[in-house]
Every structure is written in structure tokens, then in C-alpha cells.
Amino acid sequence: MLKTKPILSEREISDGLRISIMSRHTLNDGITPDLRLENRFDSHLPIYAPPLKLLGDYYKRSLSWENFEKEYNSYLDSIPNLIKNLAERAINKNITLMCIEDSPEECHRRLLAERCRLICPSLDILVK
């Protein structure tokens, strides 16, 4: 199963392997470590994070969610083998994708989980 949830959520046994898909673990200044994130994840795979320019366009330059989603999906198109590998791992093992957003509505972790299910239709996903 592939789950998604905010990285600040409490650890649950059902989470399995908790993977941070954030580009970095810093405060908004991009430099200062965010100490709240210590021990919140088992693995950090920033390759699944949106490119830094795209993040900057969204958070600092008012890129719409619709355009962010389109650009992030284009980025995912460039790493199909990595997505396939993640999806196949999640068929046999519980994996939870995590990032800082509270809601999955406008969050890249949901988009990545949905892409994994497109690649492996038998994959169960739970988006939180």
C-alpha cells in the first residue's frame, strides 16, 4: 500500500517506510534546519520533490495550483523508472510519502501517489 500524509503526523505502525519527498528540511528561509522534522521519516528521497524553481514559482511568485500541477506532472514524466520502482515497492510493502503540507488537495505527495497508481493499477493508495 502507498499512503500519503503530512510529515508532522504522528508515526503509525501502518505507515511502514516513511519517505520524505521534500526537497529540503529547512524553514522558509531555505537555510535554517526545521528541527520539527527530526526523526519524522525513515528515508529522504528529494528526487520526487518538485524542482526548486517550480517551488519558488508556486510559493513566492504566485504560480497557480493548476500550473504547478501541470509542471510537476511534466517533471514526473522525466523520471518514469523511478516512479515505477516506487510503485512496485509499495505493492509489497507499506510506504508513506510525506511532505510539509497539511492537506493533500494542493500537494505534490498526492500527485506522486496518483501517478504511481497509474503505473501500477493494482496498487492501493490512501491519501491523507
N, C-alpha and C. Protein backbone atom coordinates (compact mmCIF):
# COMPACT_ATOMS: atom_id res chain seq x y z
N MET A 1 0.84 -1.19 0.00
CA MET A 1 0.00 0.00 0.00
C MET A 1 0.89 1.24 0.00
N LEU A 2 0.44 2.25 -0.70
CA LEU A 2 1.12 3.54 -0.73
C LEU A 2 0.21 4.56 -0.07
N LYS A 3 0.70 5.14 1.01
CA LYS A 3 -0.05 6.16 1.74
C LYS A 3 0.64 7.51 1.58
N THR A 4 -0.10 8.55 1.85
CA THR A 4 0.49 9.89 1.92
C THR A 4 -0.03 10.55 3.18
N LYS A 5 0.81 11.40 3.77
CA LYS A 5 0.37 12.17 4.94
C LYS A 5 1.38 13.26 5.23
N PRO A 6 0.98 14.25 6.02
CA PRO A 6 1.91 15.32 6.39
C PRO A 6 3.07 14.76 7.24
N ILE A 7 4.24 15.31 7.03
CA ILE A 7 5.42 14.82 7.73
C ILE A 7 5.36 15.06 9.23
N LEU A 8 4.56 16.00 9.67
CA LEU A 8 4.43 16.26 11.11
C LEU A 8 3.41 15.34 11.78
N SER A 9 2.79 14.46 11.03
CA SER A 9 1.85 13.50 11.60
C SER A 9 2.58 12.49 12.47
N GLU A 10 1.86 12.02 13.46
CA GLU A 10 2.44 11.01 14.34
C GLU A 10 2.68 9.71 13.57
N ARG A 11 3.72 9.03 13.97
CA ARG A 11 4.07 7.75 13.36
C ARG A 11 3.01 6.71 13.74
N GLU A 12 2.61 5.92 12.74
CA GLU A 12 1.69 4.80 12.96
C GLU A 12 2.36 3.54 12.43
N ILE A 13 2.08 2.42 13.05
CA ILE A 13 2.67 1.16 12.60
C ILE A 13 2.34 0.91 11.14
N SER A 14 1.13 1.25 10.73
CA SER A 14 0.70 1.01 9.35
C SER A 14 1.43 1.88 8.33
N ASP A 15 2.18 2.88 8.79
CA ASP A 15 2.93 3.73 7.84
C ASP A 15 3.97 2.93 7.08
N GLY A 16 4.54 1.93 7.70
CA GLY A 16 5.64 1.22 7.06
C GLY A 16 6.82 2.15 6.91
N LEU A 17 7.44 2.16 5.74
CA LEU A 17 8.59 3.01 5.47
C LEU A 17 8.09 4.43 5.20
N ARG A 18 8.53 5.36 6.03
CA ARG A 18 8.13 6.77 5.89
C ARG A 18 9.19 7.50 5.08
N ILE A 19 8.78 7.97 3.90
CA ILE A 19 9.70 8.63 2.98
C ILE A 19 9.35 10.10 2.84
N SER A 20 10.30 10.96 3.18
CA SER A 20 10.15 12.38 2.93
C SER A 20 10.42 12.63 1.45
N ILE A 21 9.49 13.30 0.80
CA ILE A 21 9.69 13.67 -0.60
C ILE A 21 9.77 15.19 -0.72
N MET A 22 10.34 15.78 0.32
CA MET A 22 10.58 17.23 0.34
C MET A 22 11.95 17.49 -0.27
N SER A 23 12.11 18.65 -0.89
CA SER A 23 13.42 18.99 -1.47
C SER A 23 14.46 19.21 -0.38
N ARG A 24 14.04 19.79 0.73
CA ARG A 24 14.94 20.04 1.85
C ARG A 24 14.13 20.13 3.13
N HIS A 25 14.82 20.01 4.25
CA HIS A 25 14.17 20.04 5.56
C HIS A 25 14.57 21.30 6.31
N THR A 26 14.16 22.43 5.74
CA THR A 26 14.53 23.73 6.31
C THR A 26 13.28 24.56 6.57
N LEU A 27 13.48 25.63 7.31
CA LEU A 27 12.43 26.63 7.47
C LEU A 27 12.27 27.38 6.15
N ASN A 28 11.35 28.30 6.09
CA ASN A 28 11.07 29.01 4.83
C ASN A 28 12.25 29.77 4.27
N ASP A 29 13.27 30.05 5.09
CA ASP A 29 14.44 30.75 4.57
C ASP A 29 15.31 29.86 3.68
N GLY A 30 15.02 28.55 3.68
CA GLY A 30 15.78 27.62 2.85
C GLY A 30 17.14 27.25 3.41
N ILE A 31 17.48 27.75 4.58
CA ILE A 31 18.81 27.51 5.16
C ILE A 31 18.71 26.88 6.55
N THR A 32 17.89 27.45 7.40
CA THR A 32 17.80 27.01 8.79
C THR A 32 17.10 25.67 8.88
N PRO A 33 17.75 24.66 9.47
CA PRO A 33 17.10 23.35 9.61
C PRO A 33 15.79 23.46 10.39
N ASP A 34 14.78 22.76 9.93
CA ASP A 34 13.49 22.71 10.62
C ASP A 34 13.56 21.56 11.62
N LEU A 35 13.81 21.88 12.86
CA LEU A 35 14.02 20.88 13.90
C LEU A 35 12.78 20.05 14.18
N ARG A 36 11.62 20.53 13.78
CA ARG A 36 10.39 19.75 13.96
C ARG A 36 10.40 18.46 13.14
N LEU A 37 11.23 18.43 12.11
CA LEU A 37 11.23 17.30 11.19
C LEU A 37 12.18 16.18 11.60
N GLU A 38 12.98 16.41 12.62
CA GLU A 38 13.91 15.38 13.07
C GLU A 38 13.14 14.13 13.49
N ASN A 39 13.61 12.99 13.05
CA ASN A 39 13.04 11.69 13.40
C ASN A 39 11.60 11.50 12.93
N ARG A 40 11.19 12.24 11.91
CA ARG A 40 9.83 12.11 11.39
C ARG A 40 9.76 11.20 10.16
N PHE A 41 10.90 10.80 9.62
CA PHE A 41 10.92 9.99 8.40
C PHE A 41 12.07 9.00 8.47
N ASP A 42 11.96 7.95 7.66
CA ASP A 42 12.99 6.92 7.61
C ASP A 42 13.97 7.15 6.46
N SER A 43 13.49 7.75 5.41
CA SER A 43 14.30 7.94 4.21
C SER A 43 13.93 9.29 3.59
N HIS A 44 14.92 9.93 2.98
CA HIS A 44 14.69 11.21 2.31
C HIS A 44 15.02 11.03 0.84
N LEU A 45 14.01 11.15 -0.01
CA LEU A 45 14.21 10.99 -1.45
C LEU A 45 13.77 12.26 -2.18
N PRO A 46 14.63 13.28 -2.18
CA PRO A 46 14.26 14.56 -2.81
C PRO A 46 14.10 14.48 -4.32
N ILE A 47 14.48 13.37 -4.93
CA ILE A 47 14.29 13.22 -6.38
C ILE A 47 12.80 13.31 -6.73
N TYR A 48 11.92 12.98 -5.78
CA TYR A 48 10.47 13.04 -6.02
C TYR A 48 9.87 14.41 -5.69
N ALA A 49 10.69 15.30 -5.15
CA ALA A 49 10.22 16.66 -4.84
C ALA A 49 10.12 17.48 -6.12
N PRO A 50 9.27 18.48 -6.13
CA PRO A 50 9.25 19.38 -7.29
C PRO A 50 10.60 20.10 -7.40
N PRO A 51 11.03 20.41 -8.62
CA PRO A 51 12.26 21.18 -8.78
C PRO A 51 12.17 22.51 -8.00
N LEU A 52 13.31 22.97 -7.51
CA LEU A 52 13.32 24.18 -6.67
C LEU A 52 12.72 25.39 -7.36
N LYS A 53 12.97 25.56 -8.65
CA LYS A 53 12.40 26.70 -9.37
C LYS A 53 10.87 26.63 -9.36
N LEU A 54 10.33 25.44 -9.53
CA LEU A 54 8.88 25.28 -9.51
C LEU A 54 8.33 25.60 -8.12
N LEU A 55 9.00 25.17 -7.08
CA LEU A 55 8.58 25.51 -5.72
C LEU A 55 8.60 27.02 -5.50
N GLY A 56 9.66 27.66 -5.96
CA GLY A 56 9.76 29.12 -5.83
C GLY A 56 8.66 29.83 -6.59
N ASP A 57 8.36 29.35 -7.79
CA ASP A 57 7.28 29.96 -8.57
C ASP A 57 5.95 29.83 -7.85
N TYR A 58 5.73 28.70 -7.19
CA TYR A 58 4.45 28.47 -6.51
C TYR A 58 4.35 29.27 -5.21
N TYR A 59 5.38 29.17 -4.37
CA TYR A 59 5.30 29.81 -3.05
C TYR A 59 5.64 31.29 -3.05
N LYS A 60 6.51 31.72 -3.94
CA LYS A 60 6.96 33.12 -3.89
C LYS A 60 6.46 33.97 -5.04
N ARG A 61 6.09 33.35 -6.15
CA ARG A 61 5.71 34.13 -7.31
C ARG A 61 4.29 33.83 -7.78
N SER A 62 3.48 33.29 -6.90
CA SER A 62 2.03 33.14 -7.12
C SER A 62 1.64 32.29 -8.32
N LEU A 63 2.43 31.26 -8.63
CA LEU A 63 2.02 30.32 -9.67
C LEU A 63 0.74 29.63 -9.21
N SER A 64 -0.23 29.51 -10.08
CA SER A 64 -1.50 28.86 -9.70
C SER A 64 -1.27 27.38 -9.46
N TRP A 65 -2.17 26.79 -8.66
CA TRP A 65 -2.07 25.35 -8.40
C TRP A 65 -2.19 24.57 -9.72
N GLU A 66 -3.08 24.98 -10.59
CA GLU A 66 -3.27 24.28 -11.85
C GLU A 66 -1.98 24.24 -12.66
N ASN A 67 -1.26 25.36 -12.70
CA ASN A 67 0.01 25.39 -13.43
C ASN A 67 1.10 24.61 -12.69
N PHE A 68 1.10 24.69 -11.37
CA PHE A 68 2.05 23.90 -10.59
C PHE A 68 1.84 22.41 -10.87
N GLU A 69 0.59 21.99 -10.82
CA GLU A 69 0.27 20.58 -11.06
C GLU A 69 0.74 20.14 -12.45
N LYS A 70 0.50 20.98 -13.45
CA LYS A 70 0.92 20.66 -14.82
C LYS A 70 2.44 20.53 -14.89
N GLU A 71 3.15 21.47 -14.29
CA GLU A 71 4.63 21.45 -14.33
C GLU A 71 5.20 20.28 -13.53
N TYR A 72 4.61 19.98 -12.38
CA TYR A 72 5.10 18.84 -11.58
C TYR A 72 4.84 17.53 -12.32
N ASN A 73 3.69 17.41 -12.95
CA ASN A 73 3.42 16.21 -13.73
C ASN A 73 4.39 16.07 -14.90
N SER A 74 4.78 17.19 -15.50
CA SER A 74 5.80 17.15 -16.56
C SER A 74 7.13 16.66 -15.99
N TYR A 75 7.46 17.12 -14.79
CA TYR A 75 8.68 16.65 -14.14
C TYR A 75 8.59 15.13 -13.90
N LEU A 76 7.45 14.67 -13.42
CA LEU A 76 7.29 13.23 -13.18
C LEU A 76 7.44 12.44 -14.47
N ASP A 77 7.03 13.02 -15.59
CA ASP A 77 7.22 12.37 -16.89
C ASP A 77 8.70 12.10 -17.18
N SER A 78 9.58 12.87 -16.58
CA SER A 78 11.02 12.73 -16.84
C SER A 78 11.69 11.65 -15.98
N ILE A 79 10.95 11.10 -15.00
CA ILE A 79 11.54 10.08 -14.11
C ILE A 79 10.64 8.84 -14.02
N PRO A 80 10.18 8.30 -15.16
CA PRO A 80 9.22 7.19 -15.10
C PRO A 80 9.76 5.94 -14.42
N ASN A 81 11.03 5.63 -14.62
CA ASN A 81 11.58 4.41 -14.00
C ASN A 81 11.63 4.52 -12.48
N LEU A 82 11.90 5.71 -11.98
CA LEU A 82 11.92 5.91 -10.53
C LEU A 82 10.52 5.78 -9.94
N ILE A 83 9.54 6.28 -10.65
CA ILE A 83 8.16 6.17 -10.18
C ILE A 83 7.71 4.71 -10.22
N LYS A 84 8.06 4.02 -11.28
CA LYS A 84 7.71 2.60 -11.39
C LYS A 84 8.34 1.81 -10.25
N ASN A 85 9.60 2.09 -9.95
CA ASN A 85 10.28 1.40 -8.86
C ASN A 85 9.57 1.64 -7.53
N LEU A 86 9.19 2.89 -7.26
CA LEU A 86 8.48 3.22 -6.03
C LEU A 86 7.14 2.50 -5.97
N ALA A 87 6.39 2.52 -7.04
CA ALA A 87 5.08 1.87 -7.08
C ALA A 87 5.22 0.37 -6.85
N GLU A 88 6.20 -0.25 -7.48
CA GLU A 88 6.39 -1.69 -7.31
C GLU A 88 6.80 -2.04 -5.89
N ARG A 89 7.62 -1.20 -5.27
CA ARG A 89 7.99 -1.43 -3.87
C ARG A 89 6.76 -1.35 -2.97
N ALA A 90 5.85 -0.43 -3.28
CA ALA A 90 4.66 -0.23 -2.44
C ALA A 90 3.63 -1.35 -2.60
N ILE A 91 3.74 -2.14 -3.63
CA ILE A 91 2.83 -3.29 -3.78
C ILE A 91 3.13 -4.33 -2.70
N ASN A 92 4.42 -4.46 -2.36
CA ASN A 92 4.84 -5.49 -1.41
C ASN A 92 5.10 -4.99 0.00
N LYS A 93 5.12 -3.67 0.18
CA LYS A 93 5.48 -3.11 1.48
C LYS A 93 4.74 -1.79 1.67
N ASN A 94 4.26 -1.54 2.87
CA ASN A 94 3.63 -0.24 3.14
C ASN A 94 4.67 0.86 3.09
N ILE A 95 4.36 1.88 2.31
CA ILE A 95 5.20 3.05 2.16
C ILE A 95 4.32 4.28 2.33
N THR A 96 4.82 5.24 3.09
CA THR A 96 4.09 6.50 3.28
C THR A 96 4.94 7.65 2.75
N LEU A 97 4.39 8.38 1.79
CA LEU A 97 5.05 9.56 1.23
C LEU A 97 4.66 10.76 2.08
N MET A 98 5.66 11.57 2.42
CA MET A 98 5.41 12.67 3.35
C MET A 98 6.01 13.98 2.85
N CYS A 99 5.29 15.06 3.13
CA CYS A 99 5.81 16.40 2.92
C CYS A 99 5.14 17.33 3.93
N ILE A 100 5.45 18.59 3.88
CA ILE A 100 5.05 19.53 4.92
C ILE A 100 3.59 19.99 4.82
N GLU A 101 2.98 19.89 3.67
CA GLU A 101 1.60 20.38 3.50
C GLU A 101 0.64 19.62 4.41
N ASP A 102 -0.30 20.35 5.02
CA ASP A 102 -1.30 19.74 5.88
C ASP A 102 -2.34 18.96 5.08
N SER A 103 -2.76 19.51 3.97
CA SER A 103 -3.83 18.91 3.17
C SER A 103 -3.26 18.35 1.87
N PRO A 104 -3.78 17.22 1.42
CA PRO A 104 -3.31 16.65 0.16
C PRO A 104 -3.91 17.33 -1.07
N GLU A 105 -4.88 18.20 -0.87
CA GLU A 105 -5.57 18.79 -2.01
C GLU A 105 -4.62 19.51 -2.96
N GLU A 106 -3.76 20.33 -2.42
CA GLU A 106 -2.78 21.05 -3.24
C GLU A 106 -1.39 20.65 -2.77
N CYS A 107 -1.06 19.39 -3.02
CA CYS A 107 0.19 18.84 -2.51
C CYS A 107 0.77 17.84 -3.51
N HIS A 108 2.08 17.90 -3.69
CA HIS A 108 2.71 17.02 -4.66
C HIS A 108 2.71 15.56 -4.22
N ARG A 109 2.60 15.27 -2.92
CA ARG A 109 2.60 13.86 -2.49
C ARG A 109 1.38 13.13 -3.06
N ARG A 110 0.25 13.82 -3.15
CA ARG A 110 -0.94 13.21 -3.75
C ARG A 110 -0.73 12.95 -5.24
N LEU A 111 -0.14 13.92 -5.91
CA LEU A 111 0.10 13.76 -7.35
C LEU A 111 1.04 12.58 -7.62
N LEU A 112 2.07 12.44 -6.80
CA LEU A 112 3.00 11.33 -6.97
C LEU A 112 2.31 10.00 -6.71
N ALA A 113 1.50 9.92 -5.66
CA ALA A 113 0.77 8.68 -5.36
C ALA A 113 -0.17 8.32 -6.52
N GLU A 114 -0.86 9.31 -7.04
CA GLU A 114 -1.77 9.05 -8.16
C GLU A 114 -1.00 8.57 -9.39
N ARG A 115 0.18 9.12 -9.62
CA ARG A 115 1.00 8.68 -10.75
C ARG A 115 1.45 7.24 -10.54
N CYS A 116 1.81 6.90 -9.31
CA CYS A 116 2.20 5.51 -9.00
C CYS A 116 1.07 4.55 -9.33
N ARG A 117 -0.16 4.94 -8.98
CA ARG A 117 -1.30 4.06 -9.27
C ARG A 117 -1.56 3.96 -10.77
N LEU A 118 -1.29 5.01 -11.52
CA LEU A 118 -1.43 4.92 -12.98
C LEU A 118 -0.47 3.89 -13.55
N ILE A 119 0.73 3.87 -13.00
CA ILE A 119 1.76 2.94 -13.48
C ILE A 119 1.46 1.51 -13.04
N CYS A 120 0.97 1.36 -11.81
CA CYS A 120 0.62 0.05 -11.25
C CYS A 120 -0.83 0.09 -10.79
N PRO A 121 -1.78 -0.17 -11.68
CA PRO A 121 -3.20 -0.04 -11.34
C PRO A 121 -3.65 -0.88 -10.14
N SER A 122 -2.95 -1.95 -9.83
CA SER A 122 -3.34 -2.77 -8.68
C SER A 122 -2.87 -2.20 -7.35
N LEU A 123 -2.12 -1.12 -7.39
CA LEU A 123 -1.60 -0.50 -6.17
C LEU A 123 -2.72 0.20 -5.41
N ASP A 124 -2.82 -0.14 -4.14
CA ASP A 124 -3.77 0.56 -3.27
C ASP A 124 -3.09 1.83 -2.75
N ILE A 125 -3.82 2.95 -2.81
CA ILE A 125 -3.29 4.18 -2.23
C ILE A 125 -4.30 4.74 -1.23
N LEU A 126 -3.75 5.41 -0.23
CA LEU A 126 -4.56 6.09 0.78
C LEU A 126 -3.96 7.48 0.93
N VAL A 127 -4.69 8.50 0.53
CA VAL A 127 -4.21 9.86 0.54
C VAL A 127 -4.78 10.59 1.74
N LYS A 128 -3.87 11.11 2.56
CA LYS A 128 -4.28 11.90 3.73
C LYS A 128 -3.62 13.26 3.66
